[in-house]
């Protein structure tokens, strides 16, 4: 009878240890970022905002560095509308990154090195 109890206890502990390992593996896997294969990524948020930058995992958040966004500007004289790429960081608090809650991210896409956005980022980073 004593042997049966020991075996049952060992089996229970093995099952619990395996379950903890599986949960830890799933949690660590969920924290990684997909490999886009590009230096910059576009991040679309649930509220419709779109940002471009270098994406890093930061726990429950994503850290976006070297951040850019598109701003629509209208010439008051000609009423012509133009989209301009703006680099974040010139604001009064001079942010060096954005921390974005993962739950607010709608999608992440690569920014190809030869795309118009990548060329505009390269021009602004000179």
N, C-alpha and C. Protein backbone atom coordinates (compact mmCIF):
# COMPACT_ATOMS: atom_id res chain seq x y z
N UNK A 1 0.81 -1.19 0.00
CA UNK A 1 0.00 0.00 0.00
C UNK A 1 0.86 1.27 0.00
N UNK A 2 1.97 1.21 0.75
CA UNK A 2 2.88 2.35 0.82
C UNK A 2 3.49 2.66 -0.55
N UNK A 3 3.83 1.65 -1.33
CA UNK A 3 4.40 1.82 -2.66
C UNK A 3 3.41 2.49 -3.60
N UNK A 4 2.13 2.13 -3.49
CA UNK A 4 1.09 2.72 -4.32
C UNK A 4 0.98 4.23 -4.06
N UNK A 5 1.04 4.64 -2.81
CA UNK A 5 0.95 6.05 -2.44
C UNK A 5 2.14 6.84 -2.98
N UNK A 6 3.32 6.24 -2.88
CA UNK A 6 4.54 6.90 -3.38
C UNK A 6 4.46 7.06 -4.90
N UNK A 7 4.03 6.02 -5.57
CA UNK A 7 3.92 6.10 -7.04
C UNK A 7 2.87 7.13 -7.45
N UNK A 8 1.75 7.16 -6.75
CA UNK A 8 0.69 8.13 -7.06
C UNK A 8 1.19 9.55 -6.84
N UNK A 9 1.90 9.76 -5.75
CA UNK A 9 2.45 11.09 -5.45
C UNK A 9 3.48 11.49 -6.51
N UNK A 10 4.34 10.58 -6.91
CA UNK A 10 5.35 10.87 -7.93
C UNK A 10 4.69 11.19 -9.27
N UNK A 11 3.64 10.45 -9.61
CA UNK A 11 2.92 10.71 -10.85
C UNK A 11 2.24 12.09 -10.82
N UNK A 12 1.63 12.41 -9.70
CA UNK A 12 0.96 13.71 -9.56
C UNK A 12 1.97 14.85 -9.67
N UNK A 13 3.10 14.71 -9.02
CA UNK A 13 4.13 15.75 -9.10
C UNK A 13 4.69 15.88 -10.51
N UNK A 14 4.83 14.77 -11.21
CA UNK A 14 5.32 14.81 -12.60
C UNK A 14 4.32 15.54 -13.50
N UNK A 15 3.04 15.28 -13.31
CA UNK A 15 2.00 15.95 -14.11
C UNK A 15 1.98 17.44 -13.82
N UNK A 16 2.08 17.82 -12.55
CA UNK A 16 2.10 19.24 -12.19
C UNK A 16 3.32 19.93 -12.77
N UNK A 17 4.49 19.28 -12.68
CA UNK A 17 5.72 19.87 -13.24
C UNK A 17 5.60 20.04 -14.75
N UNK A 18 5.04 19.05 -15.43
CA UNK A 18 4.87 19.15 -16.88
C UNK A 18 3.91 20.28 -17.24
N UNK A 19 2.83 20.43 -16.47
CA UNK A 19 1.87 21.50 -16.73
C UNK A 19 2.50 22.87 -16.54
N UNK A 20 3.31 23.02 -15.49
CA UNK A 20 3.99 24.29 -15.24
C UNK A 20 4.96 24.61 -16.39
N UNK A 21 5.68 23.61 -16.86
CA UNK A 21 6.61 23.82 -17.98
C UNK A 21 5.88 24.24 -19.25
N UNK A 22 4.76 23.61 -19.54
CA UNK A 22 3.98 23.96 -20.73
C UNK A 22 3.46 25.39 -20.62
N UNK A 23 2.92 25.76 -19.46
CA UNK A 23 2.42 27.13 -19.27
C UNK A 23 3.54 28.15 -19.40
N UNK A 24 4.69 27.88 -18.81
CA UNK A 24 5.82 28.81 -18.91
C UNK A 24 6.27 28.96 -20.35
N UNK A 25 6.32 27.86 -21.09
CA UNK A 25 6.71 27.92 -22.51
C UNK A 25 5.72 28.73 -23.32
N UNK A 26 4.42 28.54 -23.08
CA UNK A 26 3.41 29.30 -23.81
C UNK A 26 3.48 30.78 -23.49
N UNK A 27 3.69 31.12 -22.22
CA UNK A 27 3.78 32.53 -21.84
C UNK A 27 5.01 33.18 -22.47
N UNK A 28 6.14 32.50 -22.47
CA UNK A 28 7.34 33.09 -23.07
C UNK A 28 7.18 33.21 -24.57
N UNK A 29 6.50 32.28 -25.19
CA UNK A 29 6.28 32.33 -26.64
C UNK A 29 5.36 33.49 -27.00
N UNK A 30 4.36 33.77 -26.15
CA UNK A 30 3.42 34.85 -26.41
C UNK A 30 4.08 36.22 -26.29
N UNK A 31 5.19 36.34 -25.57
CA UNK A 31 5.85 37.62 -25.36
C UNK A 31 6.80 37.99 -26.49
N UNK A 32 7.15 37.02 -27.33
CA UNK A 32 8.08 37.31 -28.42
C UNK A 32 7.35 38.03 -29.55
N UNK A 33 8.12 38.72 -30.36
CA UNK A 33 7.58 39.41 -31.53
C UNK A 33 7.75 38.53 -32.76
N UNK A 34 6.83 38.68 -33.71
CA UNK A 34 7.03 37.96 -34.96
C UNK A 34 8.23 38.56 -35.69
N UNK A 35 8.99 37.72 -36.37
CA UNK A 35 10.16 38.19 -37.13
C UNK A 35 9.68 38.70 -38.48
N UNK A 36 9.76 40.01 -38.68
CA UNK A 36 9.33 40.59 -39.95
C UNK A 36 10.46 40.63 -40.95
N UNK A 37 11.70 40.47 -40.48
CA UNK A 37 12.84 40.49 -41.38
C UNK A 37 13.23 41.87 -41.88
N UNK A 38 12.65 42.92 -41.27
CA UNK A 38 12.96 44.28 -41.69
C UNK A 38 13.35 45.11 -40.47
N UNK A 39 14.06 46.21 -40.71
CA UNK A 39 14.50 47.07 -39.62
C UNK A 39 13.34 47.84 -38.98
N UNK A 40 12.36 48.22 -39.79
CA UNK A 40 11.22 48.99 -39.30
C UNK A 40 9.93 48.21 -39.50
N UNK A 41 8.98 48.47 -38.60
CA UNK A 41 7.67 47.86 -38.68
C UNK A 41 6.60 48.95 -38.60
N UNK A 42 5.46 48.68 -39.20
CA UNK A 42 4.31 49.55 -39.00
C UNK A 42 3.41 48.89 -37.97
N UNK A 43 2.88 49.69 -37.05
CA UNK A 43 2.03 49.19 -35.99
C UNK A 43 0.72 49.94 -36.06
N UNK A 44 -0.36 49.22 -36.36
CA UNK A 44 -1.70 49.80 -36.40
C UNK A 44 -2.37 49.52 -35.06
N UNK A 45 -2.92 50.56 -34.46
CA UNK A 45 -3.58 50.42 -33.17
C UNK A 45 -5.09 50.32 -33.35
N UNK A 46 -5.75 49.84 -32.32
CA UNK A 46 -7.20 49.64 -32.35
C UNK A 46 -7.95 50.96 -32.57
N UNK A 47 -7.35 52.09 -32.18
CA UNK A 47 -8.02 53.39 -32.33
C UNK A 47 -7.79 54.03 -33.70
N UNK A 48 -7.14 53.29 -34.61
CA UNK A 48 -6.94 53.78 -35.97
C UNK A 48 -5.61 54.47 -36.21
N UNK A 49 -4.83 54.71 -35.18
CA UNK A 49 -3.53 55.35 -35.36
C UNK A 49 -2.53 54.36 -35.95
N UNK A 50 -1.62 54.88 -36.76
CA UNK A 50 -0.60 54.06 -37.41
C UNK A 50 0.76 54.69 -37.15
N UNK A 51 1.68 53.88 -36.64
CA UNK A 51 3.03 54.35 -36.34
C UNK A 51 4.04 53.44 -37.04
N UNK A 52 5.20 54.02 -37.31
CA UNK A 52 6.32 53.29 -37.91
C UNK A 52 7.50 53.41 -36.97
N UNK A 53 8.25 52.33 -36.81
CA UNK A 53 9.42 52.39 -35.95
C UNK A 53 10.07 51.03 -35.79
N UNK A 54 11.00 50.98 -34.85
CA UNK A 54 11.72 49.74 -34.53
C UNK A 54 11.04 49.11 -33.32
N UNK A 55 10.46 47.96 -33.53
CA UNK A 55 9.63 47.32 -32.52
C UNK A 55 10.43 46.34 -31.66
N UNK A 56 10.20 46.41 -30.33
CA UNK A 56 10.85 45.52 -29.38
C UNK A 56 9.81 45.01 -28.40
N UNK A 57 9.99 43.80 -27.91
CA UNK A 57 9.11 43.26 -26.88
C UNK A 57 9.49 43.86 -25.53
N UNK A 58 8.48 44.17 -24.73
CA UNK A 58 8.71 44.73 -23.39
C UNK A 58 7.62 44.24 -22.45
N UNK A 59 7.54 42.93 -22.25
CA UNK A 59 6.53 42.37 -21.36
C UNK A 59 5.13 42.50 -21.95
N UNK A 60 4.22 43.08 -21.17
CA UNK A 60 2.85 43.29 -21.64
C UNK A 60 2.76 44.43 -22.64
N UNK A 61 3.87 45.10 -22.86
CA UNK A 61 3.91 46.24 -23.77
C UNK A 61 4.87 45.97 -24.93
N UNK A 62 4.73 46.76 -25.96
CA UNK A 62 5.67 46.77 -27.06
C UNK A 62 6.38 48.12 -27.00
N UNK A 63 7.67 48.13 -27.16
CA UNK A 63 8.43 49.37 -27.20
C UNK A 63 8.68 49.70 -28.67
N UNK A 64 8.26 50.87 -29.09
CA UNK A 64 8.50 51.34 -30.45
C UNK A 64 9.49 52.48 -30.37
N UNK A 65 10.64 52.30 -30.99
CA UNK A 65 11.70 53.31 -30.98
C UNK A 65 11.85 53.91 -32.38
N UNK A 66 12.44 55.10 -32.42
CA UNK A 66 12.64 55.80 -33.70
C UNK A 66 11.27 55.91 -34.40
N UNK A 67 10.32 56.53 -33.71
CA UNK A 67 8.91 56.52 -34.09
C UNK A 67 8.57 57.62 -35.09
N UNK A 68 7.79 57.24 -36.11
CA UNK A 68 7.28 58.16 -37.12
C UNK A 68 5.78 57.93 -37.29
N UNK A 69 5.10 58.97 -37.75
CA UNK A 69 3.69 58.85 -38.11
C UNK A 69 3.40 59.78 -39.28
N UNK A 70 2.32 59.51 -39.97
CA UNK A 70 1.93 60.32 -41.13
C UNK A 70 0.93 61.37 -40.66
N UNK A 71 1.20 62.61 -41.05
CA UNK A 71 0.31 63.71 -40.70
C UNK A 71 -0.18 64.38 -41.99
N UNK A 72 -1.46 64.64 -42.06
CA UNK A 72 -2.03 65.31 -43.23
C UNK A 72 -2.00 66.81 -42.97
N UNK A 73 -1.44 67.53 -43.92
CA UNK A 73 -1.35 68.99 -43.81
C UNK A 73 -1.99 69.62 -45.04
N UNK A 74 -2.63 70.77 -44.81
CA UNK A 74 -3.27 71.48 -45.92
C UNK A 74 -2.65 72.86 -46.05
N UNK A 75 -2.28 73.20 -47.28
CA UNK A 75 -1.76 74.52 -47.57
C UNK A 75 -2.93 75.48 -47.52
N UNK A 76 -2.90 76.50 -46.64
CA UNK A 76 -4.04 77.42 -46.51
C UNK A 76 -4.31 78.25 -47.77
N UNK A 77 -3.27 78.50 -48.56
CA UNK A 77 -3.45 79.32 -49.76
C UNK A 77 -4.01 78.52 -50.92
N UNK A 78 -3.43 77.35 -51.16
CA UNK A 78 -3.85 76.57 -52.32
C UNK A 78 -4.87 75.48 -51.97
N UNK A 79 -5.05 75.24 -50.69
CA UNK A 79 -5.94 74.18 -50.19
C UNK A 79 -5.47 72.77 -50.61
N UNK A 80 -4.24 72.69 -51.08
CA UNK A 80 -3.67 71.39 -51.45
C UNK A 80 -3.37 70.60 -50.18
N UNK A 81 -3.68 69.32 -50.22
CA UNK A 81 -3.47 68.44 -49.08
C UNK A 81 -2.25 67.56 -49.36
N UNK A 82 -1.40 67.45 -48.36
CA UNK A 82 -0.20 66.61 -48.50
C UNK A 82 -0.02 65.78 -47.24
N UNK A 83 0.44 64.57 -47.42
CA UNK A 83 0.79 63.71 -46.28
C UNK A 83 2.28 63.84 -46.02
N UNK A 84 2.62 64.08 -44.76
CA UNK A 84 4.01 64.31 -44.37
C UNK A 84 4.38 63.31 -43.29
N UNK A 85 5.57 62.72 -43.39
CA UNK A 85 6.06 61.82 -42.36
C UNK A 85 6.71 62.65 -41.27
N UNK A 86 6.25 62.47 -40.04
CA UNK A 86 6.72 63.26 -38.90
C UNK A 86 7.42 62.34 -37.90
N UNK A 87 8.58 62.77 -37.42
CA UNK A 87 9.30 61.99 -36.42
C UNK A 87 8.89 62.46 -35.03
N UNK A 88 8.52 61.50 -34.19
CA UNK A 88 8.21 61.83 -32.80
C UNK A 88 9.50 62.13 -32.06
N UNK A 89 9.39 62.95 -31.05
CA UNK A 89 10.54 63.28 -30.22
C UNK A 89 10.72 64.78 -30.08
N UNK A 90 10.08 65.55 -30.95
CA UNK A 90 10.19 67.00 -30.88
C UNK A 90 9.15 67.60 -29.94
N UNK A 91 8.30 66.74 -29.35
CA UNK A 91 7.29 67.22 -28.42
C UNK A 91 7.97 67.76 -27.16
N UNK A 92 7.27 68.57 -26.37
CA UNK A 92 7.91 69.16 -25.18
C UNK A 92 8.51 68.13 -24.21
N UNK A 93 7.94 66.92 -24.14
CA UNK A 93 8.49 65.92 -23.22
C UNK A 93 9.57 65.06 -23.87
N UNK A 94 9.86 65.28 -25.13
CA UNK A 94 10.93 64.64 -25.90
C UNK A 94 11.01 63.12 -25.67
N UNK A 95 9.95 62.40 -26.07
CA UNK A 95 9.97 60.95 -25.86
C UNK A 95 11.00 60.26 -26.75
N UNK A 96 11.68 59.26 -26.19
CA UNK A 96 12.65 58.49 -26.99
C UNK A 96 12.06 57.16 -27.45
N UNK A 97 10.84 56.85 -27.00
CA UNK A 97 10.15 55.62 -27.41
C UNK A 97 8.68 55.71 -27.02
N UNK A 98 7.90 54.82 -27.58
CA UNK A 98 6.50 54.67 -27.20
C UNK A 98 6.35 53.28 -26.58
N UNK A 99 5.64 53.20 -25.49
CA UNK A 99 5.28 51.91 -24.91
C UNK A 99 3.81 51.68 -25.21
N UNK A 100 3.52 50.63 -25.95
CA UNK A 100 2.17 50.37 -26.43
C UNK A 100 1.66 49.09 -25.78
N UNK A 101 0.48 49.16 -25.19
CA UNK A 101 -0.14 47.99 -24.61
C UNK A 101 -0.42 46.99 -25.73
N UNK A 102 0.01 45.75 -25.56
CA UNK A 102 -0.17 44.73 -26.60
C UNK A 102 -1.64 44.55 -26.98
N UNK A 103 -2.53 44.77 -26.04
CA UNK A 103 -3.96 44.59 -26.32
C UNK A 103 -4.51 45.64 -27.27
N UNK A 104 -3.79 46.73 -27.46
CA UNK A 104 -4.25 47.81 -28.33
C UNK A 104 -3.73 47.68 -29.76
N UNK A 105 -2.92 46.66 -30.01
CA UNK A 105 -2.33 46.48 -31.34
C UNK A 105 -3.27 45.68 -32.22
N UNK A 106 -3.60 46.26 -33.37
CA UNK A 106 -4.45 45.57 -34.33
C UNK A 106 -3.61 44.69 -35.26
N UNK A 107 -2.50 45.27 -35.77
CA UNK A 107 -1.62 44.49 -36.63
C UNK A 107 -0.23 45.09 -36.67
N UNK A 108 0.72 44.23 -37.03
CA UNK A 108 2.12 44.62 -37.20
C UNK A 108 2.52 44.16 -38.59
N UNK A 109 3.12 45.07 -39.36
CA UNK A 109 3.56 44.73 -40.71
C UNK A 109 5.00 45.20 -40.92
N UNK A 110 5.73 44.52 -41.79
CA UNK A 110 7.09 44.96 -42.10
C UNK A 110 7.07 46.20 -42.99
N UNK A 111 8.08 47.03 -42.84
CA UNK A 111 8.31 48.16 -43.74
C UNK A 111 9.52 47.77 -44.57
N UNK A 112 9.29 47.47 -45.85
CA UNK A 112 10.39 47.04 -46.71
C UNK A 112 11.41 48.15 -46.88
N UNK A 113 12.66 47.77 -47.02
CA UNK A 113 13.76 48.73 -47.11
C UNK A 113 13.66 49.63 -48.33
N UNK A 114 13.01 49.18 -49.41
CA UNK A 114 12.89 50.00 -50.62
C UNK A 114 11.52 50.66 -50.75
N UNK A 115 10.73 50.67 -49.68
CA UNK A 115 9.41 51.29 -49.73
C UNK A 115 9.51 52.81 -49.59
N UNK A 116 8.48 53.54 -50.02
CA UNK A 116 8.50 55.00 -49.86
C UNK A 116 8.65 55.43 -48.40
N UNK A 117 8.01 54.72 -47.47
CA UNK A 117 8.13 55.08 -46.05
C UNK A 117 9.56 54.90 -45.58
N UNK A 118 10.20 53.80 -45.95
CA UNK A 118 11.59 53.55 -45.55
C UNK A 118 12.52 54.63 -46.11
N UNK A 119 12.26 55.05 -47.34
CA UNK A 119 13.09 56.12 -47.93
C UNK A 119 12.90 57.44 -47.18
N UNK A 120 11.65 57.76 -46.80
CA UNK A 120 11.40 58.98 -46.05
C UNK A 120 12.04 58.92 -44.67
N UNK A 121 11.99 57.76 -44.02
CA UNK A 121 12.64 57.59 -42.71
C UNK A 121 14.14 57.79 -42.85
N UNK A 122 14.74 57.22 -43.88
CA UNK A 122 16.19 57.36 -44.10
C UNK A 122 16.55 58.83 -44.32
N UNK A 123 15.73 59.57 -45.06
CA UNK A 123 15.99 60.99 -45.29
C UNK A 123 15.94 61.78 -43.99
N UNK A 124 14.96 61.47 -43.15
CA UNK A 124 14.83 62.22 -41.89
C UNK A 124 15.89 61.84 -40.86
N UNK A 125 16.46 60.66 -40.98
CA UNK A 125 17.49 60.22 -40.04
C UNK A 125 18.89 60.66 -40.42
N UNK A 126 19.04 61.37 -41.54
CA UNK A 126 20.37 61.84 -41.97
C UNK A 126 20.88 62.91 -41.06
